[in-house]
C-alpha atoms as a PDB file:
ATOM      1  CA  MET A   1      18.417 -28.306 -11.400  1.00  0.00           C
ATOM      2  CA  THR A   2      17.787 -25.092 -13.018  1.00  0.00           C
ATOM      3  CA  PRO A   3      21.085 -23.185 -14.171  1.00  0.00           C
ATOM      4  CA  ARG A   4      21.764 -20.007 -12.038  1.00  0.00           C
ATOM      5  CA  PRO A   5      23.076 -16.747 -13.736  1.00  0.00           C
ATOM      6  CA  GLU A   6      26.696 -16.282 -13.236  1.00  0.00           C
ATOM      7  CA  THR A   7      28.069 -13.966 -10.900  1.00  0.00           C
ATOM      8  CA  PRO A   8      27.539 -10.568 -12.246  1.00  0.00           C
ATOM      9  CA  GLN A   9      29.711  -7.995 -14.036  1.00  0.00           C
ATOM     10  CA  TYR A  10      30.276  -5.389 -11.280  1.00  0.00           C
ATOM     11  CA  ARG A  11      32.135  -2.293 -10.673  1.00  0.00           C
ATOM     12  CA  LEU A  12      33.283  -0.757  -7.404  1.00  0.00           C
ATOM     13  CA  ASP A  13      33.704   3.074  -7.045  1.00  0.00           C
ATOM     14  CA  GLY A  14      34.094   5.423  -3.897  1.00  0.00           C
ATOM     15  CA  PRO A  15      36.333   5.041  -0.864  1.00  0.00           C
ATOM     16  CA  ALA A  16      37.866   1.560   0.080  1.00  0.00           C
ATOM     17  CA  ASP A  17      36.684   1.769   3.526  1.00  0.00           C
ATOM     18  CA  ALA A  18      33.239   3.523   3.223  1.00  0.00           C
ATOM     19  CA  PRO A  19      30.163   1.439   3.964  1.00  0.00           C
ATOM     20  CA  VAL A  20      28.805  -0.510   0.492  1.00  0.00           C
ATOM     21  CA  VAL A  21      25.746   0.326  -1.472  1.00  0.00           C
ATOM     22  CA  VAL A  22      24.971  -1.874  -3.935  1.00  0.00           C
ATOM     23  CA  LEU A  23      23.057  -0.615  -6.862  1.00  0.00           C
ATOM     24  CA  GLY A  24      20.643  -2.755  -9.141  1.00  0.00           C
ATOM     25  CA  PRO A  25      19.659  -1.547 -12.672  1.00  0.00           C
ATOM     26  CA  SER A  26      16.456  -2.145 -14.565  1.00  0.00           C
ATOM     27  CA  LEU A  27      15.348  -4.434 -17.340  1.00  0.00           C
ATOM     28  CA  GLY A  28      17.273  -3.402 -20.586  1.00  0.00           C
ATOM     29  CA  THR A  29      19.495  -0.908 -18.842  1.00  0.00           C
ATOM     30  CA  SER A  30      23.204  -1.602 -17.380  1.00  0.00           C
ATOM     31  CA  MET A  31      24.788  -0.579 -14.223  1.00  0.00           C
ATOM     32  CA  ASP A  32      25.195   2.852 -15.782  1.00  0.00           C
ATOM     33  CA  LEU A  33      21.532   3.675 -15.419  1.00  0.00           C
ATOM     34  CA  TRP A  34      23.060   4.633 -11.849  1.00  0.00           C
ATOM     35  CA  LEU A  35      25.479   7.535 -13.515  1.00  0.00           C
ATOM     36  CA  PRO A  36      23.517  10.555 -12.368  1.00  0.00           C
ATOM     37  CA  GLN A  37      23.631   9.226  -8.662  1.00  0.00           C
ATOM     38  CA  LEU A  38      27.164   8.233  -8.570  1.00  0.00           C
ATOM     39  CA  PRO A  39      29.023  11.462  -7.698  1.00  0.00           C
ATOM     40  CA  ALA A  40      26.745  12.061  -4.630  1.00  0.00           C
ATOM     41  CA  LEU A  41      26.868   8.562  -3.648  1.00  0.00           C
ATOM     42  CA  THR A  42      30.485   8.254  -3.767  1.00  0.00           C
ATOM     43  CA  ARG A  43      31.133  10.924  -1.589  1.00  0.00           C
ATOM     44  CA  SER A  44      30.339   8.814   1.513  1.00  0.00           C
ATOM     45  CA  TRP A  45      29.841   5.197   0.452  1.00  0.00           C
ATOM     46  CA  ARG A  46      31.534   2.461  -1.579  1.00  0.00           C
ATOM     47  CA  VAL A  47      29.357   1.938  -4.603  1.00  0.00           C
ATOM     48  CA  LEU A  48      28.923  -1.532  -6.052  1.00  0.00           C
ATOM     49  CA  ARG A  49      27.173  -1.692  -9.371  1.00  0.00           C
ATOM     50  CA  TYR A  50      26.278  -4.763 -11.309  1.00  0.00           C
ATOM     51  CA  ASP A  51      24.850  -5.962 -14.570  1.00  0.00           C
ATOM     52  CA  LEU A  52      22.034  -8.363 -15.121  1.00  0.00           C
ATOM     53  CA  PRO A  53      22.307 -11.334 -17.225  1.00  0.00           C
ATOM     54  CA  GLY A  54      23.004 -10.120 -20.938  1.00  0.00           C
ATOM     55  CA  HIS A  55      22.823  -6.657 -20.000  1.00  0.00           C
ATOM     56  CA  GLY A  56      25.822  -4.422 -20.092  1.00  0.00           C
ATOM     57  CA  GLY A  57      29.123  -6.111 -19.911  1.00  0.00           C
ATOM     58  CA  ALA A  58      27.504  -9.510 -18.194  1.00  0.00           C
ATOM     59  CA  PRO A  59      27.477 -12.890 -20.147  1.00  0.00           C
ATOM     60  CA  PRO A  60      24.062 -14.193 -21.393  1.00  0.00           C
ATOM     61  CA  PRO A  61      22.390 -16.673 -19.128  1.00  0.00           C
ATOM     62  CA  ASP A  62      22.957 -20.379 -19.698  1.00  0.00           C
ATOM     63  CA  GLY A  63      19.554 -21.207 -18.800  1.00  0.00           C
ATOM     64  CA  PRO A  64      16.070 -20.052 -17.135  1.00  0.00           C
ATOM     65  CA  PHE A  65      16.444 -18.178 -13.960  1.00  0.00           C
ATOM     66  CA  THR A  66      14.280 -16.449 -11.333  1.00  0.00           C
ATOM     67  CA  VAL A  67      14.544 -13.355  -9.264  1.00  0.00           C
ATOM     68  CA  GLU A  68      15.529 -15.090  -6.415  1.00  0.00           C
ATOM     69  CA  ASP A  69      18.250 -16.642  -8.381  1.00  0.00           C
ATOM     70  CA  LEU A  70      19.590 -13.231  -9.164  1.00  0.00           C
ATOM     71  CA  ALA A  71      19.319 -12.266  -5.583  1.00  0.00           C
ATOM     72  CA  GLY A  72      21.393 -15.309  -4.847  1.00  0.00           C
ATOM     73  CA  GLY A  73      24.141 -14.011  -7.484  1.00  0.00           C
ATOM     74  CA  VAL A  74      24.368 -10.659  -5.906  1.00  0.00           C
ATOM     75  CA  ALA A  75      24.765 -12.433  -2.285  1.00  0.00           C
ATOM     76  CA  ALA A  76      27.501 -14.629  -3.942  1.00  0.00           C
ATOM     77  CA  LEU A  77      28.934 -11.156  -5.310  1.00  0.00           C
ATOM     78  CA  LEU A  78      29.039  -9.866  -1.899  1.00  0.00           C
ATOM     79  CA  ASP A  79      30.857 -13.126  -0.458  1.00  0.00           C
ATOM     80  CA  ARG A  80      33.210 -12.896  -3.234  1.00  0.00           C
ATOM     81  CA  LEU A  81      34.415  -9.308  -2.479  1.00  0.00           C
ATOM     82  CA  GLY A  82      34.256  -9.972   1.460  1.00  0.00           C
ATOM     83  CA  ILE A  83      31.133  -7.978   2.177  1.00  0.00           C
ATOM     84  CA  ALA A  84      28.993  -8.948   4.955  1.00  0.00           C
ATOM     85  CA  GLU A  85      26.423  -6.284   4.954  1.00  0.00           C
ATOM     86  CA  ALA A  86      25.515  -3.577   2.571  1.00  0.00           C
ATOM     87  CA  ALA A  87      22.659  -1.233   1.702  1.00  0.00           C
ATOM     88  CA  TYR A  88      20.759  -1.890  -1.478  1.00  0.00           C
ATOM     89  CA  ALA A  89      19.001   0.286  -4.077  1.00  0.00           C
ATOM     90  CA  GLY A  90      17.412  -1.126  -6.910  1.00  0.00           C
ATOM     91  CA  VAL A  91      15.153   0.340 -10.050  1.00  0.00           C
ATOM     92  CA  SER A  92      12.206  -1.589 -11.407  1.00  0.00           C
ATOM     93  CA  LEU A  93      13.847  -5.380 -11.871  1.00  0.00           C
ATOM     94  CA  GLY A  94      16.790  -4.268  -9.806  1.00  0.00           C
ATOM     95  CA  GLY A  95      14.635  -3.437  -7.173  1.00  0.00           C
ATOM     96  CA  ALA A  96      12.793  -7.031  -7.051  1.00  0.00           C
ATOM     97  CA  VAL A  97      16.087  -8.470  -7.082  1.00  0.00           C
ATOM     98  CA  GLY A  98      16.645  -6.426  -3.740  1.00  0.00           C
ATOM     99  CA  THR A  99      13.484  -7.038  -2.403  1.00  0.00           C
ATOM    100  CA  ALA A 100      14.116 -10.966  -2.964  1.00  0.00           C
ATOM    101  CA  LEU A 101      17.827 -10.471  -1.337  1.00  0.00           C
ATOM    102  CA  ALA A 102      16.173  -8.567   1.680  1.00  0.00           C
ATOM    103  CA  LEU A 103      13.912 -11.752   2.313  1.00  0.00           C
ATOM    104  CA  ARG A 104      16.507 -14.247   1.452  1.00  0.00           C
ATOM    105  CA  ALA A 105      19.435 -12.813   3.682  1.00  0.00           C
ATOM    106  CA  PRO A 106      17.954 -10.153   5.729  1.00  0.00           C
ATOM    107  CA  GLU A 107      21.294  -9.880   7.874  1.00  0.00           C
ATOM    108  CA  ARG A 108      23.146  -8.972   4.406  1.00  0.00           C
ATOM    109  CA  VAL A 109      20.825  -5.948   3.893  1.00  0.00           C
ATOM    110  CA  ALA A 110      21.217  -3.058   6.465  1.00  0.00           C
ATOM    111  CA  SER A 111      19.077  -0.473   4.326  1.00  0.00           C
ATOM    112  CA  LEU A 112      16.766  -0.906   1.240  1.00  0.00           C
ATOM    113  CA  VAL A 113      15.499   1.372  -1.511  1.00  0.00           C
ATOM    114  CA  LEU A 114      13.088   0.405  -3.979  1.00  0.00           C
ATOM    115  CA  CYS A 115      12.529   2.746  -6.974  1.00  0.00           C
ATOM    116  CA  CYS A 116       9.871   2.397  -9.444  1.00  0.00           C
ATOM    117  CA  THR A 117       9.230  -1.317  -8.684  1.00  0.00           C
ATOM    118  CA  SER A 118       6.765  -3.748  -7.379  1.00  0.00           C
ATOM    119  CA  PRO A 119       6.082  -6.660  -5.316  1.00  0.00           C
ATOM    120  CA  ARG A 120       4.454  -8.314  -8.693  1.00  0.00           C
ATOM    121  CA  PHE A 121       4.945  -6.971 -12.052  1.00  0.00           C
ATOM    122  CA  GLY A 122       1.333  -7.552 -13.267  1.00  0.00           C
ATOM    123  CA  ASP A 123      -0.232 -10.400 -15.238  1.00  0.00           C
ATOM    124  CA  PRO A 124       2.579 -12.951 -16.153  1.00  0.00           C
ATOM    125  CA  GLU A 125       1.563 -13.673 -19.771  1.00  0.00           C
ATOM    126  CA  PRO A 126       2.306 -10.272 -21.259  1.00  0.00           C
ATOM    127  CA  TRP A 127       5.921 -10.691 -20.043  1.00  0.00           C
ATOM    128  CA  ARG A 128       5.986 -14.121 -21.460  1.00  0.00           C
ATOM    129  CA  ASP A 129       4.665 -12.650 -24.589  1.00  0.00           C
ATOM    130  CA  ARG A 130       7.592 -10.182 -24.641  1.00  0.00           C
ATOM    131  CA  ALA A 131       9.843 -12.670 -23.975  1.00  0.00           C
ATOM    132  CA  ALA A 132       8.775 -14.669 -26.800  1.00  0.00           C
ATOM    133  CA  LEU A 133       8.977 -11.663 -29.034  1.00  0.00           C
ATOM    134  CA  VAL A 134      12.375 -10.922 -28.202  1.00  0.00           C
ATOM    135  CA  ARG A 135      13.410 -14.599 -28.822  1.00  0.00           C
ATOM    136  CA  ARG A 136      11.711 -14.227 -32.465  1.00  0.00           C
ATOM    137  CA  GLU A 137      12.755 -10.806 -33.633  1.00  0.00           C
ATOM    138  CA  GLY A 138      15.397  -9.595 -31.179  1.00  0.00           C
ATOM    139  CA  VAL A 139      15.585  -6.321 -28.927  1.00  0.00           C
ATOM    140  CA  GLY A 140      14.732  -4.070 -31.601  1.00  0.00           C
ATOM    141  CA  PRO A 141      10.865  -4.020 -31.193  1.00  0.00           C
ATOM    142  CA  VAL A 142      11.088  -3.244 -27.560  1.00  0.00           C
ATOM    143  CA  ALA A 143      13.843  -0.799 -27.772  1.00  0.00           C
ATOM    144  CA  ASP A 144      11.684   1.112 -30.482  1.00  0.00           C
ATOM    145  CA  THR A 145       8.859   1.944 -27.696  1.00  0.00           C
ATOM    146  CA  ALA A 146      11.220   2.071 -24.576  1.00  0.00           C
ATOM    147  CA  ALA A 147      11.406   5.787 -24.308  1.00  0.00           C
ATOM    148  CA  SER A 148       7.560   5.968 -24.058  1.00  0.00           C
ATOM    149  CA  ARG A 149       7.515   3.422 -21.303  1.00  0.00           C
ATOM    150  CA  TRP A 150      10.501   4.551 -19.542  1.00  0.00           C
ATOM    151  CA  PHE A 151      10.058   8.447 -19.400  1.00  0.00           C
ATOM    152  CA  THR A 152       7.358  11.317 -19.696  1.00  0.00           C
ATOM    153  CA  PRO A 153       6.641  12.789 -23.150  1.00  0.00           C
ATOM    154  CA  GLY A 154       8.615  15.856 -22.594  1.00  0.00           C
ATOM    155  CA  PHE A 155      11.764  14.192 -21.355  1.00  0.00           C
ATOM    156  CA  THR A 156      14.548  14.693 -23.898  1.00  0.00           C
ATOM    157  CA  GLY A 157      17.583  12.363 -22.635  1.00  0.00           C
ATOM    158  CA  ALA A 158      16.256   9.027 -23.503  1.00  0.00           C
ATOM    159  CA  GLU A 159      18.676   7.964 -26.108  1.00  0.00           C
ATOM    160  CA  PRO A 160      21.572   6.971 -23.902  1.00  0.00           C
ATOM    161  CA  TYR A 161      19.192   4.822 -21.924  1.00  0.00           C
ATOM    162  CA  VAL A 162      17.580   3.235 -25.109  1.00  0.00           C
ATOM    163  CA  ALA A 163      20.933   2.435 -26.445  1.00  0.00           C
ATOM    164  CA  MET A 164      21.691   0.500 -23.468  1.00  0.00           C
ATOM    165  CA  LEU A 165      18.470  -1.597 -24.607  1.00  0.00           C
ATOM    166  CA  ARG A 166      19.594  -2.099 -28.080  1.00  0.00           C
ATOM    167  CA  ALA A 167      22.905  -3.431 -26.841  1.00  0.00           C
ATOM    168  CA  THR A 168      21.519  -5.934 -24.628  1.00  0.00           C
ATOM    169  CA  ASP A 169      21.436  -9.740 -25.458  1.00  0.00           C
ATOM    170  CA  PRO A 170      18.216 -10.931 -26.594  1.00  0.00           C
ATOM    171  CA  GLU A 171      18.342 -14.235 -24.472  1.00  0.00           C
ATOM    172  CA  GLY A 172      19.302 -12.065 -21.439  1.00  0.00           C
ATOM    173  CA  TYR A 173      16.447  -9.830 -21.822  1.00  0.00           C
ATOM    174  CA  ALA A 174      14.009 -12.400 -22.573  1.00  0.00           C
ATOM    175  CA  GLY A 175      15.352 -14.371 -19.578  1.00  0.00           C
ATOM    176  CA  CYS A 176      14.748 -11.389 -17.198  1.00  0.00           C
ATOM    177  CA  CYS A 177      11.009 -11.153 -18.591  1.00  0.00           C
ATOM    178  CA  ASP A 178      10.556 -14.580 -17.621  1.00  0.00           C
ATOM    179  CA  ALA A 179      11.865 -13.943 -14.441  1.00  0.00           C
ATOM    180  CA  LEU A 180       9.540 -11.038 -13.930  1.00  0.00           C
ATOM    181  CA  ALA A 181       6.630 -13.238 -14.955  1.00  0.00           C
ATOM    182  CA  ALA A 182       7.000 -15.225 -12.047  1.00  0.00           C
ATOM    183  CA  PHE A 183       7.876 -12.716  -9.222  1.00  0.00           C
ATOM    184  CA  ASP A 184       5.326 -12.172  -6.678  1.00  0.00           C
ATOM    185  CA  ALA A 185       6.593 -11.147  -3.293  1.00  0.00           C
ATOM    186  CA  THR A 186       3.371  -9.578  -2.086  1.00  0.00           C
ATOM    187  CA  ALA A 187       2.554 -12.029   0.840  1.00  0.00           C
ATOM    188  CA  ARG A 188       6.218 -12.096   1.869  1.00  0.00           C
ATOM    189  CA  LEU A 189       6.865  -8.412   2.207  1.00  0.00           C
ATOM    190  CA  GLY A 190       6.187  -8.284   6.242  1.00  0.00           C
ATOM    191  CA  GLY A 191       9.489 -10.349   6.448  1.00  0.00           C
ATOM    192  CA  ILE A 192      11.592  -7.460   5.253  1.00  0.00           C
ATOM    193  CA  THR A 193      13.553  -6.323   8.266  1.00  0.00           C
ATOM    194  CA  ALA A 194      15.622  -3.508   6.581  1.00  0.00           C
ATOM    195  CA  PRO A 195      14.672   0.057   6.957  1.00  0.00           C
ATOM    196  CA  ALA A 196      13.062   0.694   3.636  1.00  0.00           C
ATOM    197  CA  LEU A 197      12.409   3.726   1.180  1.00  0.00           C
ATOM    198  CA  VAL A 198      10.100   3.291  -1.685  1.00  0.00           C
ATOM    199  CA  ILE A 199      10.533   5.752  -4.605  1.00  0.00           C
ATOM    200  CA  ALA A 200       8.035   5.996  -7.173  1.00  0.00           C
ATOM    201  CA  GLY A 201       7.684   8.378 -10.422  1.00  0.00           C
ATOM    202  CA  ALA A 202       4.218  10.051 -10.164  1.00  0.00           C
ATOM    203  CA  GLN A 203       3.951   9.445 -14.074  1.00  0.00           C
ATOM    204  CA  ASP A 204       5.121   5.862 -13.957  1.00  0.00           C
ATOM    205  CA  GLY A 205       3.392   3.901 -16.468  1.00  0.00           C
ATOM    206  CA  PRO A 206       4.976   0.296 -16.146  1.00  0.00           C
ATOM    207  CA  THR A 207       4.659   0.232 -12.123  1.00  0.00           C
ATOM    208  CA  PRO A 208       2.461   3.333 -11.139  1.00  0.00           C
ATOM    209  CA  PRO A 209       2.500   4.308  -7.651  1.00  0.00           C
ATOM    210  CA  GLN A 210      -1.023   2.979  -7.233  1.00  0.00           C
ATOM    211  CA  GLY A 211      -0.882  -0.617  -7.022  1.00  0.00           C
ATOM    212  CA  HIS A 212       2.918  -0.922  -6.951  1.00  0.00           C
ATOM    213  CA  ALA A 213       4.978   1.467  -4.835  1.00  0.00           C
ATOM    214  CA  ASP A 214       1.884   1.988  -2.385  1.00  0.00           C
ATOM    215  CA  ARG A 215       1.445  -2.021  -1.960  1.00  0.00           C
ATOM    216  CA  LEU A 216       5.465  -2.035  -1.263  1.00  0.00           C
ATOM    217  CA  ALA A 217       4.949   0.840   1.320  1.00  0.00           C
ATOM    218  CA  ALA A 218       1.978  -0.834   3.129  1.00  0.00           C
ATOM    219  CA  GLY A 219       3.438  -4.248   3.275  1.00  0.00           C
ATOM    220  CA  ILE A 220       7.089  -3.277   4.222  1.00  0.00           C
ATOM    221  CA  PRO A 221       7.073  -2.723   8.165  1.00  0.00           C
ATOM    222  CA  ASP A 222       7.638   1.241   8.431  1.00  0.00           C
ATOM    223  CA  ALA A 223       8.466   1.656   5.042  1.00  0.00           C
ATOM    224  CA  GLU A 224       8.400   5.415   3.765  1.00  0.00           C
ATOM    225  CA  LEU A 225       7.091   6.381   0.416  1.00  0.00           C
ATOM    226  CA  ALA A 226       8.470   9.196  -1.700  1.00  0.00           C
ATOM    227  CA  VAL A 227       6.796  10.205  -4.979  1.00  0.00           C
ATOM    228  CA  VAL A 228       8.428  12.323  -7.663  1.00  0.00           C
ATOM    229  CA  ASP A 229       6.713  14.459  -9.574  1.00  0.00           C
ATOM    230  CA  GLY A 230       7.290  14.609 -13.388  1.00  0.00           C
ATOM    231  CA  ALA A 231       9.165  11.141 -13.392  1.00  0.00           C
ATOM    232  CA  GLY A 232       8.320   8.164 -15.403  1.00  0.00           C
ATOM    233  CA  HIS A 233       9.718   4.660 -14.807  1.00  0.00           C
ATOM    234  CA  LEU A 234      13.343   5.448 -14.768  1.00  0.00           C
ATOM    235  CA  ALA A 235      12.869   8.077 -12.186  1.00  0.00           C
ATOM    236  CA  ASN A 236      16.535   8.586 -11.098  1.00  0.00           C
ATOM    237  CA  ALA A 237      17.147   9.326 -14.863  1.00  0.00           C
ATOM    238  CA  GLU A 238      14.663  11.587 -15.367  1.00  0.00           C
ATOM    239  CA  ARG A 239      14.528  13.600 -12.154  1.00  0.00           C
ATOM    240  CA  PRO A 240      18.001  12.706 -10.791  1.00  0.00           C
ATOM    241  CA  GLU A 241      18.088  15.505  -8.176  1.00  0.00           C
ATOM    242  CA  PRO A 242      15.135  14.602  -5.935  1.00  0.00           C
ATOM    243  CA  VAL A 243      15.860  11.092  -6.598  1.00  0.00           C
ATOM    244  CA  THR A 244      19.601  11.415  -5.383  1.00  0.00           C
ATOM    245  CA  GLU A 245      18.187  13.282  -2.321  1.00  0.00           C
ATOM    246  CA  ALA A 246      15.495  10.825  -1.277  1.00  0.00           C
ATOM    247  CA  ILE A 247      18.492   7.907  -1.641  1.00  0.00           C
ATOM    248  CA  THR A 248      21.135  10.004   0.354  1.00  0.00           C
ATOM    249  CA  ALA A 249      18.787  11.263   3.348  1.00  0.00           C
ATOM    250  CA  HIS A 250      17.749   7.694   4.059  1.00  0.00           C
ATOM    251  CA  LEU A 251      21.090   6.381   3.710  1.00  0.00           C
ATOM    252  CA  ASP A 252      22.285   9.096   5.994  1.00  0.00           C
ATOM    253  CA  ARG A 253      19.675   7.902   8.572  1.00  0.00           C
ATOM    254  CA  THR A 254      20.105   4.400   8.134  1.00  0.00           C
ATOM    255  CA  TRP A 255      23.665   3.262   7.093  1.00  0.00           C
ATOM    256  CA  LYS A 256      26.138   6.146   7.009  1.00  0.00           C
ATOM    257  CA  GLY A 257      28.861   5.890   9.252  1.00  0.00           C
ATOM    258  CA  ARG A 258      28.316   1.641   9.488  1.00  0.00           C
ATOM    259  CA  ALA A 259      31.475  -0.213   8.355  1.00  0.00           C
END
């Protein structure tokens, strides 16, 4: 039996009696990826952030895992906290976890925001190659090139996010790469029942709108697509204002006021 990652490291912010929004981070970042959105979200929602295995404050994994296993960890965390239903927003790998959770437990996901993510992250082999590189040499080589993958050339605020990657456990990072290599939800998107918003960075290199965000929006019934100009892969960090506005407007329509 494949070991599953432990229940993730988490933090709750916002009014204790408000409806819950879960925020999932991207590969190589911690829950603090979502700090730009936190002030706006915590005005109306109880915000639950978590860390991926070996990222931020979470322990490294004790074996291989899948994106579906990560979704199971989020479901277990909701059970632990007594949360029957929540909205979910995730960036990149965090978005894939949300996709898997919405397919696995549709009754738990009241609303869904998928940011700079994909139903399939390209061919598996480059992800396996990156996992092997990190297991061999640590996260340094991928951290050295992270800013150019994550942001547009003119962005000057990359360092705090690159620092998150440099602090990531190599096996946690590599395990997430292996999980991304195996992930393909393309044929199952029609099974998502939550009202969904897909957000794309217009200049996103790893998951460009064409072939990634547009596939999500086309495959998920009645999903909306918002493309943010001047944003790369971590659009919520590079262009926080329009991303925050899009998320809060979607949650206002689909989740605000529900307990």
